[in-house]
Amino acid sequence: MAVERLRDELRQSVATQRVATTRAEQAEARLRKVELSGATAEQSQQKISGQAAEIERLRHEVSVLKDHLNESMRRLREESTEFNLDKRVITNLVVGFLALPYGDSKRYEILQLMSSILQFSEEQQEKVGLIRKAGRRVPVQSSPGTPASESSTANGDTKDSFSDQWISFLLRESSSTRTRQSGSS
């Protein structure tokens, strides 16, 4: 009896030990998970704080760039677009003017166009030969093959806009180029 009672106690102790061991192993596994998630959480927190600092730096940079853009836009609005000219247009006009022979009527047209673009005063127009002392414009001779309507435009009708003058000049140039090309063929 005493031996059987001891055996029963031993069996119960062994069963209790197995249950306790299983519970201890489960607790250790949960502890490892918590430790791993704690380390992962710490790394995530470091990443988040680094990204937050980067976001703040980028926000500051955007703010600085916005300020620069606003300042540039303000300057652009302040400057009158009336006086902003395309250098290529003026360069082409000057080169075209200087390349033509002195007696060519197109020199006068180009000079008149430059006067319109650059908004010459009457005194400046007089100095370059667009206006005579009496205040009349210098007459331009119509080149052969130029219709009378085009020669009236070339005669200095200042009511035409710059774009109208430019288009008529380009049309005259292209028609004279076509005439020369067909004549040489």
Protein backbone atom coordinates (compact mmCIF):
# COMPACT_ATOMS: atom_id res chain seq x y z
CA MET A 1 0.00 0.00 0.00
CA ALA A 2 2.54 2.43 0.88
CA VAL A 3 4.40 1.44 -2.25
CA GLU A 4 1.32 1.86 -4.37
CA ARG A 5 0.58 5.20 -2.86
CA LEU A 6 4.12 6.28 -3.60
CA ARG A 7 3.80 5.00 -7.16
CA ASP A 8 0.58 6.99 -7.61
CA GLU A 9 2.27 10.08 -6.26
CA LEU A 10 5.20 9.45 -8.56
CA ARG A 11 2.89 9.13 -11.58
CA GLN A 12 1.11 12.33 -10.60
CA SER A 13 4.41 14.09 -10.11
CA VAL A 14 5.64 12.90 -13.52
CA ALA A 15 2.39 14.06 -15.16
CA THR A 16 2.60 17.39 -13.35
CA GLN A 17 6.22 17.73 -14.41
CA ARG A 18 5.31 17.08 -18.05
CA VAL A 19 2.55 19.69 -17.92
CA ALA A 20 4.89 22.18 -16.24
CA THR A 21 7.64 21.49 -18.79
CA THR A 22 5.22 22.00 -21.68
CA ARG A 23 3.97 25.23 -20.14
CA ALA A 24 7.55 26.41 -19.57
CA GLU A 25 8.47 25.68 -23.20
CA GLN A 26 5.39 27.55 -24.41
CA ALA A 27 6.24 30.50 -22.17
CA GLU A 28 9.82 30.55 -23.48
CA ALA A 29 8.55 30.50 -27.09
CA ARG A 30 6.21 33.43 -26.35
CA LEU A 31 9.08 35.27 -24.65
CA ARG A 32 11.28 34.82 -27.74
CA LYS A 33 8.47 36.14 -29.95
CA VAL A 34 8.05 39.15 -27.71
CA GLU A 35 11.79 39.80 -27.70
CA LEU A 36 11.94 39.50 -31.50
CA SER A 37 8.94 41.76 -31.96
CA GLY A 38 10.47 44.20 -29.49
CA ALA A 39 13.70 44.31 -31.52
CA THR A 40 11.69 44.64 -34.73
CA ALA A 41 9.61 47.39 -33.15
CA GLU A 42 12.78 49.19 -32.08
CA GLN A 43 14.21 48.95 -35.61
CA SER A 44 10.90 50.12 -37.05
CA GLN A 45 10.86 53.03 -34.63
CA GLN A 46 14.37 54.02 -35.73
CA LYS A 47 13.33 53.81 -39.39
CA ILE A 48 10.24 55.89 -38.71
CA SER A 49 12.22 58.57 -36.89
CA GLY A 50 14.80 58.65 -39.73
CA GLN A 51 12.04 58.95 -42.32
CA ALA A 52 10.33 61.67 -40.29
CA ALA A 53 13.58 63.65 -40.26
CA GLU A 54 13.93 63.18 -44.03
CA ILE A 55 10.33 64.33 -44.56
CA GLU A 56 10.98 67.43 -42.46
CA ARG A 57 14.14 68.20 -44.45
CA LEU A 58 12.26 67.79 -47.74
CA ARG A 59 9.44 70.03 -46.50
CA HIS A 60 11.98 72.70 -45.68
CA GLU A 61 13.56 72.30 -49.12
CA VAL A 62 10.15 72.58 -50.79
CA SER A 63 9.46 75.73 -48.79
CA VAL A 64 12.76 77.27 -49.89
CA LEU A 65 12.09 76.31 -53.53
CA LYS A 66 8.59 77.81 -53.34
CA ASP A 67 10.06 81.05 -52.02
CA HIS A 68 12.57 81.14 -54.89
CA LEU A 69 9.83 80.39 -57.41
CA ASN A 70 7.58 83.11 -55.99
CA GLU A 71 10.45 85.60 -56.10
CA SER A 72 11.20 84.69 -59.71
CA MET A 73 7.53 84.99 -60.66
CA ARG A 74 7.33 88.38 -58.93
CA ARG A 75 10.37 89.59 -60.86
CA LEU A 76 8.91 88.34 -64.12
CA ARG A 77 5.64 90.16 -63.48
CA GLU A 78 7.50 93.34 -62.61
CA GLU A 79 9.53 93.29 -65.80
CA SER A 80 7.52 94.47 -68.74
CA THR A 81 7.27 91.83 -71.46
CA GLU A 82 7.05 94.76 -73.86
CA PHE A 83 10.83 95.08 -73.75
CA ASN A 84 11.73 91.38 -73.80
CA LEU A 85 12.84 90.56 -77.33
CA ASP A 86 13.98 87.34 -78.85
CA LYS A 87 17.67 87.83 -79.59
CA ARG A 88 17.47 85.44 -82.53
CA VAL A 89 14.85 87.60 -84.28
CA ILE A 90 16.90 90.77 -83.87
CA THR A 91 20.11 88.96 -84.88
CA ASN A 92 18.48 87.61 -88.04
CA LEU A 93 17.12 91.06 -88.91
CA VAL A 94 20.50 92.77 -88.41
CA VAL A 95 22.34 90.10 -90.39
CA GLY A 96 19.71 90.25 -93.15
CA PHE A 97 19.95 94.05 -93.23
CA LEU A 98 23.72 94.09 -93.43
CA ALA A 99 23.86 91.27 -96.00
CA LEU A 100 21.68 93.10 -98.56
CA PRO A 101 23.24 95.52 -101.05
CA TYR A 102 22.89 99.19 -100.19
CA GLY A 103 20.33 100.08 -102.85
CA ASP A 104 18.01 97.10 -102.18
CA SER A 105 14.49 98.13 -101.10
CA LYS A 106 14.36 95.22 -98.65
CA ARG A 107 16.95 97.04 -96.51
CA TYR A 108 14.34 99.71 -95.92
CA GLU A 109 11.70 97.09 -95.07
CA ILE A 110 14.01 95.37 -92.60
CA LEU A 111 14.99 98.71 -91.08
CA GLN A 112 11.33 99.64 -90.78
CA LEU A 113 10.56 96.29 -89.13
CA MET A 114 13.44 96.73 -86.65
CA SER A 115 12.18 100.24 -85.92
CA SER A 116 8.76 98.84 -85.14
CA ILE A 117 10.10 96.01 -82.98
CA LEU A 118 12.51 98.22 -81.06
CA GLN A 119 10.01 101.09 -80.89
CA PHE A 120 12.27 103.80 -82.32
CA SER A 121 11.33 107.37 -81.49
CA GLU A 122 10.80 109.80 -84.39
CA GLU A 123 14.27 111.20 -83.77
CA GLN A 124 15.81 107.74 -83.99
CA GLN A 125 13.81 106.98 -87.14
CA GLU A 126 15.10 110.21 -88.65
CA LYS A 127 18.70 109.31 -87.77
CA VAL A 128 18.48 105.93 -89.50
CA GLY A 129 16.74 107.41 -92.54
CA LEU A 130 13.18 106.21 -92.07
CA ILE A 131 11.75 109.74 -91.72
CA ARG A 132 12.76 112.87 -93.59
CA LYS A 133 13.25 116.16 -91.80
CA ALA A 134 9.80 117.36 -92.92
CA GLY A 135 8.25 114.45 -91.05
CA ARG A 136 7.33 112.34 -94.08
CA ARG A 137 8.55 108.80 -94.38
CA VAL A 138 11.11 107.95 -96.97
CA PRO A 139 9.29 106.42 -99.95
CA VAL A 140 10.22 102.89 -100.78
CA GLN A 141 10.37 101.74 -104.33
CA SER A 142 8.30 98.71 -105.08
CA SER A 143 10.46 95.87 -106.28
CA PRO A 144 9.46 94.25 -109.57
CA GLY A 145 6.73 91.68 -109.11
CA THR A 146 5.51 93.15 -105.80
CA PRO A 147 1.79 93.93 -105.85
CA ALA A 148 0.67 97.47 -105.01
CA SER A 149 -1.05 96.30 -101.83
CA GLU A 150 2.24 94.93 -100.52
CA SER A 151 4.14 98.05 -101.47
CA SER A 152 1.64 100.17 -99.54
CA THR A 153 2.44 98.06 -96.48
CA ALA A 154 6.12 98.59 -97.13
CA ASN A 155 5.54 102.32 -97.47
CA GLY A 156 5.39 102.58 -93.72
CA ASP A 157 1.81 102.21 -92.60
CA THR A 158 2.57 102.33 -88.89
CA LYS A 159 -0.94 101.21 -87.97
CA ASP A 160 0.03 97.63 -88.81
CA SER A 161 1.00 95.55 -85.85
CA PHE A 162 4.43 94.07 -85.55
CA SER A 163 3.07 90.62 -86.36
CA ASP A 164 1.35 91.91 -89.52
CA GLN A 165 4.57 93.56 -90.66
CA TRP A 166 6.58 90.45 -89.84
CA ILE A 167 4.20 88.16 -91.73
CA SER A 168 4.11 90.41 -94.78
CA PHE A 169 7.91 90.62 -94.76
CA LEU A 170 8.22 86.84 -94.57
CA LEU A 171 5.68 86.42 -97.38
CA ARG A 172 7.58 88.85 -99.60
CA GLU A 173 10.85 87.06 -98.80
CA SER A 174 9.44 83.63 -99.55
CA SER A 175 7.81 84.77 -102.80
CA SER A 176 11.03 86.42 -103.99
CA THR A 177 12.97 83.24 -103.09
CA ARG A 178 10.50 81.12 -105.05
CA THR A 179 10.73 83.54 -107.99
CA ARG A 180 14.53 83.33 -107.96
CA GLN A 181 14.48 79.54 -107.71
CA SER A 182 11.99 79.11 -110.55
CA GLY A 183 13.94 81.63 -112.67
CA SER A 184 17.21 79.74 -112.19
CA SER A 185 15.66 76.36 -113.11
